[in-house]
Amino acid sequence: MNIAIDQVAIDHSDDLEYSGHMVCAEYGIVNTENLTNLDQLIDRRFLFFGLPLLLDQGTGSPVRAVALLQDG
C-alpha cells in the first residue's frame, strides 16, 4: 500500500514526532512525497511504480515515479 502526495512531507512541519511516518511504518505503508502532475490522474486507472535509488543504510530514497495509464 502507498500514500502519495504532492507536498514536501506527509507530516506537518511542526510535528517533530513524524506522526504520519510513524503510522505508515506501523502498518507497512510506503509514503511517496513531493510528486507532480497528480491532477492528470484524477478519475483514471493507473499502475504506480516508484523506482528507488539503492542507498546503503538508508531508510528512504528519492524515486523515479511512474504512472502507467490503463486503457478504458
N, C-alpha and C. Protein backbone atom coordinates (compact mmCIF):
# COMPACT_ATOMS: atom_id res chain seq x y z
N MET A 1 0.85 -1.17 0.00
CA MET A 1 0.00 0.00 0.00
C MET A 1 0.90 1.24 0.00
N ASN A 2 0.40 2.31 -0.57
CA ASN A 2 1.19 3.53 -0.71
C ASN A 2 0.29 4.74 -0.51
N ILE A 3 0.81 5.73 0.19
CA ILE A 3 0.19 7.06 0.27
C ILE A 3 1.10 7.98 -0.54
N ALA A 4 0.54 8.65 -1.52
CA ALA A 4 1.35 9.53 -2.37
C ALA A 4 0.73 10.93 -2.36
N ILE A 5 1.58 11.94 -2.19
CA ILE A 5 1.10 13.32 -2.11
C ILE A 5 1.99 14.26 -2.93
N ASP A 6 1.46 15.44 -3.18
CA ASP A 6 2.21 16.45 -3.92
C ASP A 6 2.77 17.52 -2.99
N GLN A 7 3.09 17.13 -1.78
CA GLN A 7 3.66 18.04 -0.78
C GLN A 7 5.04 17.53 -0.39
N VAL A 8 5.80 18.36 0.33
CA VAL A 8 7.15 18.00 0.74
C VAL A 8 7.16 16.82 1.71
N ALA A 9 6.14 16.72 2.57
CA ALA A 9 6.09 15.64 3.55
C ALA A 9 4.65 15.35 3.95
N ILE A 10 4.41 14.13 4.45
CA ILE A 10 3.06 13.80 4.92
C ILE A 10 2.82 14.38 6.31
N ASP A 11 3.87 14.76 7.01
CA ASP A 11 3.74 15.34 8.34
C ASP A 11 3.76 16.86 8.28
N HIS A 12 3.09 17.49 9.23
CA HIS A 12 3.15 18.95 9.37
C HIS A 12 4.57 19.32 9.80
N SER A 13 5.05 20.45 9.35
CA SER A 13 6.43 20.85 9.67
C SER A 13 6.68 21.01 11.16
N ASP A 14 5.63 21.24 11.96
CA ASP A 14 5.79 21.37 13.41
C ASP A 14 5.76 20.02 14.14
N ASP A 15 5.47 18.94 13.43
CA ASP A 15 5.34 17.62 14.05
C ASP A 15 6.72 16.97 14.15
N LEU A 16 7.37 17.18 15.27
CA LEU A 16 8.72 16.65 15.46
C LEU A 16 8.74 15.16 15.76
N GLU A 17 7.57 14.57 15.94
CA GLU A 17 7.49 13.12 16.17
C GLU A 17 7.17 12.36 14.89
N TYR A 18 6.98 13.08 13.79
CA TYR A 18 6.71 12.48 12.48
C TYR A 18 5.56 11.47 12.55
N SER A 19 4.45 11.93 13.06
CA SER A 19 3.29 11.06 13.31
C SER A 19 2.83 10.31 12.06
N GLY A 20 2.75 10.98 10.93
CA GLY A 20 2.33 10.33 9.69
C GLY A 20 3.28 9.22 9.28
N HIS A 21 4.56 9.49 9.38
CA HIS A 21 5.56 8.47 9.05
C HIS A 21 5.47 7.29 10.02
N MET A 22 5.23 7.57 11.28
CA MET A 22 5.15 6.50 12.28
C MET A 22 3.94 5.60 12.03
N VAL A 23 2.80 6.19 11.69
CA VAL A 23 1.61 5.38 11.40
C VAL A 23 1.87 4.53 10.16
N CYS A 24 2.46 5.11 9.13
CA CYS A 24 2.77 4.34 7.92
C CYS A 24 3.70 3.17 8.25
N ALA A 25 4.72 3.42 9.04
CA ALA A 25 5.66 2.36 9.42
C ALA A 25 4.94 1.25 10.19
N GLU A 26 4.04 1.62 11.08
CA GLU A 26 3.31 0.64 11.89
C GLU A 26 2.48 -0.30 11.02
N TYR A 27 1.90 0.23 9.95
CA TYR A 27 1.02 -0.56 9.09
C TYR A 27 1.68 -1.01 7.79
N GLY A 28 2.97 -0.80 7.65
CA GLY A 28 3.68 -1.23 6.46
C GLY A 28 3.29 -0.48 5.20
N ILE A 29 2.97 0.80 5.35
CA ILE A 29 2.55 1.63 4.23
C ILE A 29 3.72 2.50 3.78
N VAL A 30 4.00 2.48 2.50
CA VAL A 30 5.03 3.33 1.92
C VAL A 30 4.43 4.71 1.71
N ASN A 31 5.20 5.76 1.96
CA ASN A 31 4.70 7.10 1.61
C ASN A 31 5.63 7.71 0.58
N THR A 32 5.03 8.26 -0.46
CA THR A 32 5.76 8.88 -1.56
C THR A 32 5.37 10.35 -1.58
N GLU A 33 6.37 11.19 -1.43
CA GLU A 33 6.12 12.63 -1.26
C GLU A 33 6.69 13.43 -2.43
N ASN A 34 6.20 14.66 -2.55
CA ASN A 34 6.75 15.64 -3.49
C ASN A 34 6.50 15.27 -4.95
N LEU A 35 5.36 14.66 -5.25
CA LEU A 35 5.01 14.29 -6.61
C LEU A 35 4.43 15.49 -7.37
N THR A 36 4.44 15.42 -8.68
CA THR A 36 3.86 16.48 -9.51
C THR A 36 2.88 15.87 -10.51
N ASN A 37 2.06 16.71 -11.10
CA ASN A 37 1.12 16.33 -12.16
C ASN A 37 0.07 15.31 -11.72
N LEU A 38 -0.23 15.25 -10.44
CA LEU A 38 -1.25 14.32 -9.95
C LEU A 38 -2.63 14.65 -10.51
N ASP A 39 -2.84 15.90 -10.88
CA ASP A 39 -4.12 16.30 -11.46
C ASP A 39 -4.42 15.53 -12.75
N GLN A 40 -3.40 15.04 -13.43
CA GLN A 40 -3.59 14.29 -14.67
C GLN A 40 -4.07 12.86 -14.42
N LEU A 41 -4.11 12.45 -13.15
CA LEU A 41 -4.52 11.08 -12.81
C LEU A 41 -5.91 11.01 -12.20
N ILE A 42 -6.56 12.14 -12.02
CA ILE A 42 -7.90 12.16 -11.43
C ILE A 42 -8.86 11.38 -12.30
N ASP A 43 -9.61 10.47 -11.67
CA ASP A 43 -10.60 9.63 -12.36
C ASP A 43 -9.99 8.72 -13.43
N ARG A 44 -8.73 8.37 -13.28
CA ARG A 44 -8.08 7.47 -14.23
C ARG A 44 -7.48 6.29 -13.48
N ARG A 45 -7.51 5.13 -14.09
CA ARG A 45 -6.88 3.94 -13.51
C ARG A 45 -5.44 3.89 -13.97
N PHE A 46 -4.55 3.57 -13.04
CA PHE A 46 -3.13 3.51 -13.39
C PHE A 46 -2.39 2.58 -12.44
N LEU A 47 -1.26 2.11 -12.90
CA LEU A 47 -0.32 1.39 -12.05
C LEU A 47 0.78 2.37 -11.66
N PHE A 48 1.18 2.33 -10.40
CA PHE A 48 2.22 3.23 -9.92
C PHE A 48 3.50 2.44 -9.70
N PHE A 49 4.59 2.99 -10.19
CA PHE A 49 5.91 2.42 -9.95
C PHE A 49 6.78 3.50 -9.31
N GLY A 50 7.37 3.21 -8.17
CA GLY A 50 8.33 4.09 -7.53
C GLY A 50 9.68 3.40 -7.56
N LEU A 51 10.54 3.82 -8.45
CA LEU A 51 11.82 3.16 -8.68
C LEU A 51 12.90 3.87 -7.86
N PRO A 52 13.31 3.27 -6.72
CA PRO A 52 14.22 3.96 -5.80
C PRO A 52 15.69 3.80 -6.16
N LEU A 53 16.48 4.72 -5.62
CA LEU A 53 17.93 4.56 -5.64
C LEU A 53 18.30 3.58 -4.54
N LEU A 54 19.34 2.82 -4.73
CA LEU A 54 19.82 1.93 -3.69
C LEU A 54 20.80 2.72 -2.82
N LEU A 55 20.39 3.03 -1.60
CA LEU A 55 21.22 3.79 -0.67
C LEU A 55 21.65 2.89 0.48
N ASP A 56 22.93 2.80 0.72
CA ASP A 56 23.45 1.98 1.80
C ASP A 56 22.98 2.51 3.14
N GLN A 57 22.31 1.68 3.92
CA GLN A 57 21.81 2.00 5.25
C GLN A 57 20.78 3.13 5.26
N GLY A 58 20.12 3.36 4.15
CA GLY A 58 19.11 4.41 4.08
C GLY A 58 17.75 3.92 4.54
N THR A 59 16.96 4.82 5.08
CA THR A 59 15.58 4.48 5.46
C THR A 59 14.58 5.05 4.47
N GLY A 60 15.08 5.74 3.48
CA GLY A 60 14.25 6.32 2.43
C GLY A 60 15.11 6.58 1.22
N SER A 61 14.46 6.97 0.12
CA SER A 61 15.21 7.20 -1.10
C SER A 61 14.40 8.07 -2.05
N PRO A 62 15.08 8.89 -2.85
CA PRO A 62 14.39 9.52 -3.97
C PRO A 62 13.95 8.41 -4.92
N VAL A 63 12.85 8.62 -5.62
CA VAL A 63 12.37 7.63 -6.58
C VAL A 63 12.11 8.28 -7.92
N ARG A 64 12.16 7.48 -8.96
CA ARG A 64 11.62 7.87 -10.26
C ARG A 64 10.18 7.40 -10.21
N ALA A 65 9.24 8.32 -10.15
CA ALA A 65 7.82 7.99 -10.02
C ALA A 65 7.21 7.87 -11.42
N VAL A 66 6.55 6.74 -11.69
CA VAL A 66 5.97 6.47 -13.00
C VAL A 66 4.52 6.02 -12.81
N ALA A 67 3.60 6.61 -13.55
CA ALA A 67 2.21 6.16 -13.59
C ALA A 67 1.95 5.60 -14.97
N LEU A 68 1.63 4.31 -15.02
CA LEU A 68 1.30 3.65 -16.27
C LEU A 68 -0.20 3.64 -16.40
N LEU A 69 -0.75 4.42 -17.33
CA LEU A 69 -2.18 4.56 -17.50
C LEU A 69 -2.78 3.28 -18.07
N GLN A 70 -3.96 2.92 -17.56
CA GLN A 70 -4.69 1.74 -18.01
C GLN A 70 -5.69 2.15 -19.08
N ASP A 71 -5.92 1.31 -20.05
CA ASP A 71 -6.93 1.58 -21.09
C ASP A 71 -8.33 1.55 -20.46
N GLY A 72 -9.21 2.36 -20.99
CA GLY A 72 -10.59 2.31 -20.54
C GLY A 72 -10.92 3.46 -19.76
